[in-house]
Protein backbone atom coordinates (compact mmCIF):
# COMPACT_ATOMS: atom_id res chain seq x y z
CA MET A 1 257.71 236.65 96.20
CA LYS A 2 258.28 239.21 93.45
CA GLN A 3 254.60 240.13 93.53
CA VAL A 4 254.71 240.82 97.28
CA PHE A 5 257.85 242.92 96.86
CA PHE A 6 256.33 245.02 94.04
CA ALA A 7 253.04 245.42 95.93
CA ALA A 8 254.94 246.69 99.00
CA LEU A 9 257.01 248.99 96.80
CA PHE A 10 253.88 250.53 95.19
CA VAL A 11 252.28 251.08 98.61
CA LEU A 12 255.46 252.70 99.93
CA VAL A 13 255.77 255.01 96.91
CA GLY A 14 252.07 255.91 97.18
CA PHE A 15 252.34 256.89 100.85
CA SER A 16 255.57 258.84 100.39
CA SER A 17 254.06 260.92 97.58
CA MET A 18 251.03 261.81 99.73
CA GLY A 19 253.18 263.74 102.22
CA GLN A 20 254.82 265.99 99.62
CA ASP A 21 253.76 269.60 99.30
CA ILE A 22 252.26 270.75 96.06
CA THR A 23 254.28 273.53 94.46
CA LEU A 24 252.18 275.92 92.42
CA THR A 25 253.54 278.20 89.72
CA LYS A 26 253.02 281.95 89.86
CA GLY A 27 250.06 281.73 87.47
CA GLU A 28 248.45 278.87 89.38
CA THR A 29 248.84 280.74 92.67
CA ILE A 30 247.28 283.89 91.21
CA ASN A 31 244.38 281.78 89.89
CA TYR A 32 243.90 280.18 93.32
CA ILE A 33 243.84 283.59 95.05
CA ASN A 34 241.45 284.99 92.44
CA LYS A 35 239.14 282.00 92.90
CA GLN A 36 239.02 282.61 96.67
CA LEU A 37 238.33 286.34 96.21
CA GLN A 38 235.51 285.67 93.73
CA LYS A 39 233.48 284.11 96.56
CA THR A 40 232.64 287.61 97.83
CA VAL A 41 231.06 288.76 94.55
CA GLY A 42 227.34 289.31 95.06
CA LEU A 43 227.52 289.26 98.85
CA GLU A 44 225.75 292.04 100.67
CA TYR A 45 227.18 293.94 103.62
CA ASN A 46 225.19 294.96 106.66
CA ASP A 47 224.59 298.39 105.06
CA GLY A 48 223.22 296.95 101.80
CA SER A 49 226.29 297.52 99.61
CA THR A 50 227.30 294.73 97.24
CA ILE A 51 230.58 293.72 95.64
CA GLU A 52 229.89 293.50 91.91
CA SER A 53 233.28 292.33 90.66
CA ILE A 54 236.80 291.55 91.83
CA THR A 55 239.93 290.89 89.81
CA PHE A 56 243.38 289.86 90.94
CA THR A 57 245.81 289.76 88.03
CA GLU A 58 249.45 290.02 87.08
CA THR A 59 250.70 293.23 85.43
CA ALA A 60 254.02 294.52 84.12
CA ARG A 61 254.56 296.20 87.50
CA GLY A 62 253.61 293.15 89.57
CA LEU A 63 250.04 292.57 90.72
CA ARG A 64 246.72 294.40 90.49
CA PHE A 65 243.76 293.99 92.84
CA SER A 66 240.60 295.82 91.78
CA TYR A 67 236.93 295.82 92.65
CA LEU A 68 233.64 297.45 91.79
CA ALA A 69 230.93 297.94 94.40
CA SER A 70 227.41 299.31 94.45
CA GLY A 71 224.27 299.77 96.43
CA SER A 72 224.58 301.96 99.49
CA ASN A 73 225.33 305.42 100.83
CA LYS A 74 228.12 303.91 102.89
CA TYR A 75 230.52 301.08 102.01
CA ALA A 76 231.79 298.88 104.79
CA TYR A 77 235.05 298.35 102.88
CA ASN A 78 236.18 301.98 102.69
CA ALA A 79 234.84 302.82 99.24
CA TYR A 80 234.34 306.45 100.24
CA GLU A 81 236.85 309.21 100.47
CA LYS A 82 236.43 312.42 102.43
CA PRO A 83 236.87 315.44 100.14
CA SER A 84 238.20 318.80 101.32
CA TRP A 85 234.68 320.21 101.72
CA GLY A 86 233.92 317.66 104.45
CA GLY A 87 231.21 315.42 102.94
CA TYR A 88 231.57 311.91 101.61
CA VAL A 89 231.85 310.99 97.95
CA LYS A 90 230.83 307.64 96.52
CA CYS A 91 233.86 305.99 94.86
CA PRO A 92 232.87 302.44 94.03
CA ASP A 93 235.69 301.53 91.63
CA ARG A 94 239.20 301.01 93.01
CA SER A 95 242.38 299.30 91.94
CA TYR A 96 245.77 298.81 93.55
CA GLU A 97 249.00 298.04 91.70
CA PHE A 98 252.05 296.81 93.56
CA ASP A 99 255.17 294.70 93.43
CA PRO A 100 254.70 291.93 96.00
CA ILE A 101 258.40 291.74 96.87
CA TYR A 102 257.87 294.85 99.03
CA VAL A 103 255.17 293.35 101.28
CA LYS A 104 256.36 293.50 104.89
CA ASP A 105 253.36 291.99 106.70
CA ILE A 106 250.10 290.11 106.10
CA THR A 107 247.41 290.49 108.77
CA LEU A 108 243.71 289.83 109.26
CA LYS A 109 241.24 292.73 109.70
CA SER A 110 237.51 292.82 110.26
CA TYR A 111 235.05 295.69 109.77
CA GLY A 112 231.67 294.50 110.92
CA HIS A 113 230.50 291.87 108.43
CA LYS A 114 230.12 288.39 109.88
CA ASN A 115 231.65 286.50 106.94
CA ILE A 116 233.70 289.02 104.96
CA ARG A 117 237.18 289.74 106.30
CA TYR A 118 240.20 291.61 104.98
CA LEU A 119 243.66 290.33 104.28
CA ASN A 120 245.80 293.42 104.87
CA LEU A 121 249.03 293.66 102.89
CA SER A 122 251.38 296.22 104.50
CA PHE A 123 254.30 297.54 102.48
CA ILE A 124 257.75 298.78 103.48
CA LYS A 125 257.14 302.25 101.96
CA LYS A 126 254.11 304.28 100.90
CA GLU A 127 255.52 304.94 97.43
CA LEU A 128 255.23 301.28 96.46
CA VAL A 129 251.44 300.91 96.07
CA LYS A 130 249.48 302.90 93.51
CA GLU A 131 245.78 303.30 94.29
CA LYS A 132 243.50 304.39 91.46
CA ILE A 133 239.98 305.54 92.33
CA SER A 134 237.22 306.14 89.81
CA GLY A 135 233.46 306.35 89.67
CA CYS A 136 233.42 309.36 92.01
CA GLN A 137 230.88 312.13 91.72
CA GLU A 138 233.38 314.90 92.53
CA VAL A 139 237.05 315.57 91.84
CA TYR A 140 238.90 315.60 95.14
CA TYR A 141 242.29 314.92 96.64
CA GLY A 142 243.63 311.39 96.49
CA ARG A 143 242.04 310.35 93.20
CA ASN A 144 245.27 308.59 92.26
CA GLN A 145 247.56 308.22 95.22
CA MET A 146 250.23 306.10 96.81
CA VAL A 147 249.19 304.12 99.92
CA ASN A 148 250.84 301.91 102.57
CA ASP A 149 248.30 299.09 102.70
CA VAL A 150 246.03 297.08 100.46
CA LEU A 151 242.89 295.60 102.02
CA ILE A 152 241.81 292.51 100.09
CA PHE A 153 238.42 291.22 101.15
CA PHE A 154 237.54 287.55 101.14
CA LEU A 155 234.87 285.18 102.42
CA MET A 156 235.89 283.71 105.77
CA ALA A 157 233.50 280.87 106.55
CA GLU A 158 236.08 279.13 108.78
CA GLU A 159 239.19 280.29 110.68
CA LYS A 160 241.44 278.31 108.33
CA ASP A 161 240.30 280.38 105.31
CA PHE A 162 242.57 283.29 106.31
CA ASP A 163 245.51 280.96 106.96
CA LYS A 164 245.16 279.34 103.52
CA LEU A 165 244.89 282.69 101.74
CA LYS A 166 247.83 284.09 103.72
CA LYS A 167 249.89 281.02 102.80
CA ALA A 168 249.01 281.52 99.11
CA PHE A 169 250.14 285.16 99.28
CA GLN A 170 253.36 284.18 101.07
CA HIS A 171 254.05 281.60 98.36
CA LEU A 172 253.36 284.17 95.62
CA ILE A 173 255.65 286.71 97.30
CA ALA A 174 258.41 284.08 97.55
CA LEU A 175 258.02 283.31 93.82
CA TYR A 176 258.33 286.99 92.93
CA LYS A 177 261.36 287.42 95.20
CA ALA A 178 263.06 284.36 93.68
CA GLU A 179 262.40 285.73 90.23
CA ASP A 180 263.72 289.18 91.19
CA ASP A 181 266.93 287.86 92.76
CA PRO A 182 267.32 284.05 92.63
CA PHE A 183 270.57 284.15 94.64
CA GLU A 184 269.30 286.09 97.64
């Protein structure tokens, strides 16, 4: 009788633990997001441009998303800026620094590639995201500027890929907010 009781108890404990959500730390969540973003490295856009590297890391200010691209006269992911003289300048190296507690919305955007999509982080004010651009051939306006949105590209093989990445960002934002003000 004891054996049946303990066997039933182990089965019950096993099933109850399967339904629990896994809670990741800030570092584990950043690693998960970085792993998902790395899937776009080496992929080629319709215009022949290629993402050479992507990093998503924690900084003293909050988070940094950066990438390096190469290969084309036109980047599908907005790696060109229009200078005052009217032409386009190749700017393949970009980074964005921001505090995630100021994200107001997370949406999905698409710009023509069948598998690469953009997770768009919108912020409550323009002054909260620092964009740094380098690798340009000319000096022009906006080399280091403040922006409202950060477009983070990722491989979207299935519809659920965006939902999982969005959930990871929401979790990370919640962790930062709890750290900033645990009693809010």
